[in-house]
Protein backbone atom coordinates (compact mmCIF):
# COMPACT_ATOMS: atom_id res chain seq x y z
CA MET A 1 12.02 -12.60 2.04
CA LYS A 2 11.54 -9.10 0.63
CA THR A 3 9.69 -6.36 2.53
CA VAL A 4 7.82 -3.69 0.59
CA ILE A 5 6.62 -0.42 2.42
CA PHE A 6 3.58 1.24 0.87
CA ALA A 7 3.84 4.64 2.15
CA GLY A 8 1.31 7.60 1.91
CA GLU A 9 0.36 10.87 3.37
CA GLY A 10 -1.73 11.09 6.42
CA VAL A 11 -3.24 7.75 7.46
CA ALA A 12 -2.35 6.35 4.06
CA GLY A 13 -5.69 5.02 2.71
CA VAL A 14 -4.06 4.39 -0.76
CA ALA A 15 -1.25 2.59 0.97
CA GLN A 16 -3.77 0.39 3.06
CA LEU A 17 -5.44 -0.49 -0.24
CA ALA A 18 -2.12 -1.37 -1.97
CA ALA A 19 -0.97 -3.47 0.91
CA ALA A 20 -4.14 -5.37 1.18
CA CYS A 21 -3.99 -6.09 -2.56
CA PHE A 22 -0.37 -7.03 -2.28
CA GLY A 23 -1.10 -9.46 0.44
CA ALA A 24 -3.76 -11.13 -1.69
CA LEU A 25 -1.58 -11.43 -4.71
CA ALA A 26 2.10 -11.98 -3.30
CA ASP A 27 3.33 -15.34 -2.06
CA PRO A 28 3.93 -14.66 1.75
CA GLN A 29 7.23 -16.74 1.52
CA LYS A 30 8.62 -14.27 -0.98
CA ALA A 31 7.33 -10.85 0.05
CA GLN A 32 5.39 -9.03 2.65
CA ALA A 33 3.94 -5.50 2.88
CA ILE A 34 4.14 -2.78 5.57
CA VAL A 35 1.81 0.26 5.46
CA ALA A 36 3.56 3.57 6.56
CA GLY A 37 2.20 7.15 6.70
CA THR A 38 2.91 10.61 8.12
CA LYS A 39 0.36 9.59 10.88
CA ALA A 40 -0.07 6.37 12.60
CA ALA A 41 -3.55 4.67 12.59
CA ASP A 42 -4.84 1.33 14.11
CA ASN A 43 -7.61 0.52 11.65
CA TYR A 44 -8.64 0.81 8.07
CA HIS A 45 -10.45 3.94 6.99
CA PRO A 46 -14.16 2.77 6.76
CA LEU A 47 -14.40 3.37 2.97
CA VAL A 48 -11.14 1.45 2.47
CA ALA A 49 -12.52 -1.44 4.37
CA ALA A 50 -15.61 -1.34 2.38
CA ALA A 51 -13.75 -1.39 -0.96
CA LEU A 52 -11.70 -4.43 0.18
CA ARG A 53 -14.75 -6.18 1.53
CA GLU A 54 -16.32 -5.66 -1.91
CA MET A 55 -13.34 -7.10 -3.87
CA GLU A 56 -13.23 -10.01 -1.33
CA VAL A 57 -9.62 -9.10 -0.36
CA GLU A 58 -8.76 -10.32 3.14
CA LYS A 59 -7.66 -7.37 5.27
CA THR A 60 -4.77 -7.36 7.43
CA ASP A 61 -4.92 -5.57 10.53
CA GLY A 62 -4.94 -2.12 8.80
CA LYS A 63 -2.21 -0.67 11.10
CA VAL A 64 -0.39 2.23 9.60
CA VAL A 65 3.02 2.98 11.24
CA VAL A 66 4.97 6.18 10.81
CA LEU A 67 7.63 5.95 8.17
CA THR A 68 11.14 6.27 9.80
CA PRO A 69 14.63 5.86 8.39
CA GLU A 70 14.95 2.80 10.70
CA LEU A 71 11.85 1.13 9.23
CA ALA A 72 13.01 1.96 5.71
CA LYS A 73 16.19 0.02 6.35
CA SER A 74 14.35 -3.21 6.60
CA ALA A 75 12.64 -2.74 3.21
CA ALA A 76 13.73 -3.73 -0.44
CA HIS A 77 11.36 -1.21 -1.82
CA ILE A 78 9.37 1.91 -0.91
CA VAL A 79 6.17 2.42 -3.02
CA THR A 80 4.84 6.11 -3.08
CA SER A 81 2.92 8.42 -5.36
CA VAL A 82 4.94 10.52 -7.82
CA GLY A 83 5.55 13.87 -6.10
CA SER A 84 4.86 12.60 -2.67
CA SER A 85 7.14 13.98 0.15
CA VAL A 86 6.36 11.26 2.55
CA ALA A 87 9.60 9.37 1.94
CA LYS A 88 11.92 12.38 1.07
CA GLY A 89 15.35 12.00 2.69
CA ILE A 90 14.73 8.06 3.17
CA GLN A 91 17.80 6.36 1.96
CA GLY A 92 18.36 2.64 1.02
CA PRO A 93 15.37 0.77 -0.44
CA GLN A 94 14.60 1.13 -4.14
CA ARG A 95 11.99 3.80 -4.74
CA VAL A 96 8.92 2.90 -6.80
CA GLU A 97 6.74 5.89 -7.74
CA TRP A 98 3.07 5.37 -8.95
CA PRO A 99 0.79 8.00 -10.45
CA PRO A 100 -0.88 10.34 -7.98
CA MET A 101 -4.19 9.26 -6.94
CA ASP A 102 -7.05 10.87 -4.91
CA SER A 103 -7.13 9.72 -1.29
CA PRO A 104 -9.88 7.55 -0.07
CA GLU A 105 -10.11 9.54 3.11
CA ASP A 106 -11.30 12.50 1.07
CA LYS A 107 -14.27 10.72 -0.55
CA LYS A 108 -17.68 10.44 0.75
CA SER A 109 -18.99 7.05 -0.70
CA PHE A 110 -17.75 3.66 -1.81
CA GLN A 111 -18.53 4.55 -5.31
CA GLU A 112 -16.02 7.26 -5.25
CA VAL A 113 -13.40 4.97 -3.68
CA GLU A 114 -14.02 1.91 -6.10
CA PRO A 115 -12.17 3.42 -9.12
CA ILE A 116 -9.12 4.28 -6.87
CA ARG A 117 -9.28 0.76 -5.53
CA ASP A 118 -9.31 -0.78 -8.90
CA ALA A 119 -6.37 1.28 -10.17
CA ILE A 120 -4.22 0.49 -7.16
CA ALA A 121 -5.08 -3.28 -7.60
CA ALA A 122 -3.89 -3.17 -11.18
CA LEU A 123 -0.54 -1.40 -10.25
CA VAL A 124 0.01 -3.91 -7.38
CA SER A 125 -0.81 -6.97 -9.77
CA GLY A 126 1.84 -5.56 -12.14
CA PHE A 127 4.41 -4.89 -9.42
CA VAL A 128 4.04 -8.34 -7.83
CA GLU A 129 4.32 -9.99 -11.50
CA GLU A 130 7.38 -7.84 -12.32
CA ASN A 131 9.18 -9.04 -9.32
CA GLY A 132 8.31 -12.75 -9.44
CA TRP A 133 6.52 -12.56 -6.19
CA GLY A 134 3.16 -14.16 -7.16
CA ARG A 135 1.55 -16.92 -5.32
CA PRO A 136 2.25 -20.61 -6.64
CA THR A 137 -0.57 -21.85 -8.77
């Protein structure tokens, strides 16, 4: 089984969205997701949780762990935004960089988070398909 780390700044709202979408699309026998950030968090940001509910994506626990070199050693891939410094200096896993996106934590309403969520879902879908991790039909 492959492990993918979705890493982001702060409490990693974008990474939380990506990991939840990944969990909905990827076969758990083939791949799993971990959310890592520069700060730990025990729960989803409220607007991230609302965006996932509206999409009917089953949420994981929402936990964000701090990205460390030791954690990275367990992963096949680290997914970050282009220009992000969150995984600088981390060696080992294949680096995947996605276009920079606004952080859900900086938004004031679900309507502002919805387009971010939809863009992330499309990126995750392509990533899962590209790696052959889709759920069996």
